[in-house]
Amino acid sequence: MSTITLHIPDTFELDERSTLRFLAAKLYESGKLSLGQAAELAGLSKTTFAEILADFDVPFINYSLEDILRDAGNI
């Protein structure tokens, strides 16, 4: 396991929990993490993590238009 240390000024008023959830949501959105991996990073169950994605304007279904069209062609 890797450890990343962020030095965030107190004036930003960010807490560790919300920062981890934001980071996990954005890494999920970008396709860098699966839903399960992102939930684990956020310290949440998959179901709970999926429910908070909207708080960060991240869609639960994370498919590009190209992926949808490719999958539709395979039916």
N, C-alpha and C. Protein backbone atom coordinates (compact mmCIF):
# COMPACT_ATOMS: atom_id res chain seq x y z
N MET A 1 0.85 -1.18 0.00
CA MET A 1 0.00 0.00 0.00
C MET A 1 0.89 1.23 0.00
N SER A 2 0.48 2.22 -0.76
CA SER A 2 1.20 3.49 -0.81
C SER A 2 0.54 4.50 0.11
N THR A 3 1.34 5.42 0.56
CA THR A 3 0.83 6.50 1.39
C THR A 3 1.12 7.82 0.69
N ILE A 4 0.12 8.66 0.61
CA ILE A 4 0.27 10.00 0.04
C ILE A 4 -0.05 10.99 1.14
N THR A 5 0.83 11.95 1.32
CA THR A 5 0.62 12.98 2.32
C THR A 5 0.33 14.30 1.61
N LEU A 6 -0.80 14.90 1.96
CA LEU A 6 -1.17 16.21 1.43
C LEU A 6 -1.10 17.23 2.55
N HIS A 7 -0.47 18.32 2.27
CA HIS A 7 -0.42 19.42 3.23
C HIS A 7 -1.42 20.47 2.76
N ILE A 8 -2.53 20.54 3.45
CA ILE A 8 -3.62 21.44 3.07
C ILE A 8 -3.70 22.55 4.11
N PRO A 9 -3.58 23.79 3.66
CA PRO A 9 -3.67 24.90 4.61
C PRO A 9 -5.01 24.90 5.36
N ASP A 10 -4.97 25.28 6.61
CA ASP A 10 -6.19 25.33 7.43
C ASP A 10 -7.23 26.26 6.84
N THR A 11 -6.80 27.25 6.09
CA THR A 11 -7.74 28.21 5.51
C THR A 11 -8.65 27.56 4.46
N PHE A 12 -8.29 26.38 3.97
CA PHE A 12 -9.13 25.68 3.00
C PHE A 12 -10.32 25.01 3.67
N GLU A 13 -10.25 24.81 4.96
CA GLU A 13 -11.33 24.21 5.74
C GLU A 13 -11.81 22.88 5.15
N LEU A 14 -10.87 22.01 4.82
CA LEU A 14 -11.19 20.68 4.32
C LEU A 14 -10.86 19.65 5.38
N ASP A 15 -11.74 18.69 5.54
CA ASP A 15 -11.44 17.61 6.47
C ASP A 15 -11.04 16.37 5.68
N GLU A 16 -10.36 15.45 6.34
CA GLU A 16 -9.82 14.27 5.68
C GLU A 16 -10.92 13.42 5.04
N ARG A 17 -12.01 13.22 5.74
CA ARG A 17 -13.08 12.36 5.25
C ARG A 17 -13.68 12.90 3.95
N SER A 18 -14.03 14.16 3.91
CA SER A 18 -14.65 14.71 2.70
C SER A 18 -13.65 14.80 1.55
N THR A 19 -12.39 15.04 1.87
CA THR A 19 -11.36 15.10 0.83
C THR A 19 -11.15 13.72 0.21
N LEU A 20 -11.12 12.68 1.02
CA LEU A 20 -10.97 11.32 0.49
C LEU A 20 -12.18 10.92 -0.37
N ARG A 21 -13.35 11.30 0.06
CA ARG A 21 -14.55 10.98 -0.72
C ARG A 21 -14.55 11.70 -2.06
N PHE A 22 -14.15 12.97 -2.05
CA PHE A 22 -14.06 13.72 -3.30
C PHE A 22 -13.04 13.09 -4.24
N LEU A 23 -11.88 12.78 -3.71
CA LEU A 23 -10.81 12.18 -4.51
C LEU A 23 -11.28 10.83 -5.08
N ALA A 24 -11.90 10.01 -4.26
CA ALA A 24 -12.40 8.72 -4.72
C ALA A 24 -13.44 8.89 -5.82
N ALA A 25 -14.36 9.83 -5.65
CA ALA A 25 -15.40 10.07 -6.65
C ALA A 25 -14.80 10.51 -7.97
N LYS A 26 -13.84 11.39 -7.93
CA LYS A 26 -13.23 11.89 -9.16
C LYS A 26 -12.35 10.84 -9.83
N LEU A 27 -11.70 9.99 -9.05
CA LEU A 27 -10.92 8.90 -9.64
C LEU A 27 -11.84 7.85 -10.26
N TYR A 28 -13.00 7.64 -9.66
CA TYR A 28 -14.01 6.75 -10.25
C TYR A 28 -14.53 7.36 -11.55
N GLU A 29 -14.84 8.65 -11.53
CA GLU A 29 -15.37 9.33 -12.71
C GLU A 29 -14.39 9.25 -13.88
N SER A 30 -13.11 9.38 -13.60
CA SER A 30 -12.10 9.36 -14.66
C SER A 30 -11.76 7.95 -15.13
N GLY A 31 -12.30 6.93 -14.45
CA GLY A 31 -12.03 5.56 -14.84
C GLY A 31 -10.76 4.98 -14.26
N LYS A 32 -10.12 5.72 -13.37
CA LYS A 32 -8.88 5.24 -12.74
C LYS A 32 -9.15 4.18 -11.68
N LEU A 33 -10.34 4.24 -11.05
CA LEU A 33 -10.72 3.28 -10.02
C LEU A 33 -12.07 2.69 -10.36
N SER A 34 -12.26 1.42 -10.01
CA SER A 34 -13.58 0.80 -10.12
C SER A 34 -14.45 1.34 -8.98
N LEU A 35 -15.73 1.01 -9.03
CA LEU A 35 -16.63 1.43 -7.96
C LEU A 35 -16.16 0.86 -6.62
N GLY A 36 -15.79 -0.40 -6.60
CA GLY A 36 -15.32 -1.04 -5.37
C GLY A 36 -14.04 -0.42 -4.84
N GLN A 37 -13.11 -0.14 -5.73
CA GLN A 37 -11.85 0.48 -5.30
C GLN A 37 -12.08 1.88 -4.74
N ALA A 38 -12.93 2.64 -5.42
CA ALA A 38 -13.23 3.99 -4.97
C ALA A 38 -13.95 3.97 -3.62
N ALA A 39 -14.88 3.04 -3.46
CA ALA A 39 -15.60 2.92 -2.19
C ALA A 39 -14.63 2.58 -1.07
N GLU A 40 -13.69 1.69 -1.34
CA GLU A 40 -12.69 1.32 -0.34
C GLU A 40 -11.83 2.53 0.04
N LEU A 41 -11.39 3.31 -0.95
CA LEU A 41 -10.60 4.50 -0.68
C LEU A 41 -11.38 5.49 0.19
N ALA A 42 -12.68 5.61 -0.10
CA ALA A 42 -13.53 6.54 0.65
C ALA A 42 -13.92 6.00 2.02
N GLY A 43 -13.66 4.71 2.26
CA GLY A 43 -14.02 4.11 3.54
C GLY A 43 -15.51 3.83 3.65
N LEU A 44 -16.14 3.52 2.51
CA LEU A 44 -17.58 3.30 2.48
C LEU A 44 -17.89 1.97 1.79
N SER A 45 -19.11 1.50 1.99
CA SER A 45 -19.57 0.34 1.22
C SER A 45 -19.83 0.81 -0.21
N LYS A 46 -19.92 -0.14 -1.14
CA LYS A 46 -20.21 0.23 -2.53
C LYS A 46 -21.54 0.96 -2.64
N THR A 47 -22.54 0.46 -1.93
CA THR A 47 -23.87 1.07 -1.99
C THR A 47 -23.85 2.51 -1.49
N THR A 48 -23.22 2.73 -0.36
CA THR A 48 -23.15 4.08 0.21
C THR A 48 -22.34 5.00 -0.69
N PHE A 49 -21.23 4.48 -1.22
CA PHE A 49 -20.41 5.30 -2.11
C PHE A 49 -21.21 5.69 -3.36
N ALA A 50 -21.94 4.73 -3.93
CA ALA A 50 -22.75 5.02 -5.11
C ALA A 50 -23.77 6.12 -4.81
N GLU A 51 -24.31 6.13 -3.59
CA GLU A 51 -25.30 7.13 -3.21
C GLU A 51 -24.70 8.53 -3.07
N ILE A 52 -23.41 8.64 -2.72
CA ILE A 52 -22.83 9.98 -2.54
C ILE A 52 -22.21 10.54 -3.82
N LEU A 53 -22.16 9.75 -4.89
CA LEU A 53 -21.56 10.24 -6.14
C LEU A 53 -22.23 11.53 -6.62
N ALA A 54 -23.54 11.59 -6.47
CA ALA A 54 -24.28 12.79 -6.92
C ALA A 54 -23.83 14.04 -6.16
N ASP A 55 -23.35 13.88 -4.94
CA ASP A 55 -22.86 15.03 -4.17
C ASP A 55 -21.67 15.69 -4.86
N PHE A 56 -20.99 14.93 -5.71
CA PHE A 56 -19.80 15.43 -6.40
C PHE A 56 -20.03 15.55 -7.91
N ASP A 57 -21.30 15.53 -8.32
CA ASP A 57 -21.68 15.62 -9.73
C ASP A 57 -21.02 14.53 -10.58
N VAL A 58 -20.93 13.34 -10.01
CA VAL A 58 -20.35 12.19 -10.70
C VAL A 58 -21.47 11.20 -10.99
N PRO A 59 -21.67 10.82 -12.26
CA PRO A 59 -22.73 9.86 -12.57
C PRO A 59 -22.37 8.46 -12.09
N PHE A 60 -23.37 7.72 -11.63
CA PHE A 60 -23.16 6.35 -11.19
C PHE A 60 -22.77 5.47 -12.37
N ILE A 61 -23.50 5.62 -13.47
CA ILE A 61 -23.18 4.87 -14.69
C ILE A 61 -22.11 5.66 -15.42
N ASN A 62 -20.98 5.03 -15.53
CA ASN A 62 -19.78 5.73 -15.98
C ASN A 62 -19.33 5.21 -17.34
N TYR A 63 -20.23 5.26 -18.34
CA TYR A 63 -19.90 4.81 -19.68
C TYR A 63 -19.85 6.00 -20.62
N SER A 64 -18.87 6.00 -21.49
CA SER A 64 -18.81 7.04 -22.51
C SER A 64 -19.79 6.68 -23.62
N LEU A 65 -20.10 7.65 -24.46
CA LEU A 65 -20.99 7.41 -25.60
C LEU A 65 -20.40 6.32 -26.50
N GLU A 66 -19.10 6.34 -26.68
CA GLU A 66 -18.44 5.34 -27.52
C GLU A 66 -18.63 3.93 -26.95
N ASP A 67 -18.51 3.80 -25.62
CA ASP A 67 -18.71 2.50 -24.97
C ASP A 67 -20.14 2.00 -25.16
N ILE A 68 -21.09 2.88 -25.01
CA ILE A 68 -22.50 2.52 -25.17
C ILE A 68 -22.77 2.06 -26.61
N LEU A 69 -22.28 2.81 -27.59
CA LEU A 69 -22.49 2.45 -28.99
C LEU A 69 -21.79 1.13 -29.33
N ARG A 70 -20.61 0.93 -28.79
CA ARG A 70 -19.88 -0.33 -29.04
C ARG A 70 -20.64 -1.50 -28.44
N ASP A 71 -21.12 -1.35 -27.21
CA ASP A 71 -21.87 -2.41 -26.55
C ASP A 71 -23.19 -2.67 -27.28
N ALA A 72 -23.84 -1.63 -27.76
CA ALA A 72 -25.10 -1.80 -28.48
C ALA A 72 -24.88 -2.56 -29.78
N GLY A 73 -23.74 -2.38 -30.39
CA GLY A 73 -23.42 -3.10 -31.62
C GLY A 73 -23.12 -4.56 -31.40
N ASN A 74 -22.87 -4.96 -30.17
CA ASN A 74 -22.55 -6.35 -29.85
C ASN A 74 -23.78 -7.17 -29.45
N ILE A 75 -24.94 -6.58 -29.54
CA ILE A 75 -26.17 -7.29 -29.13
C ILE A 75 -26.61 -8.24 -30.23
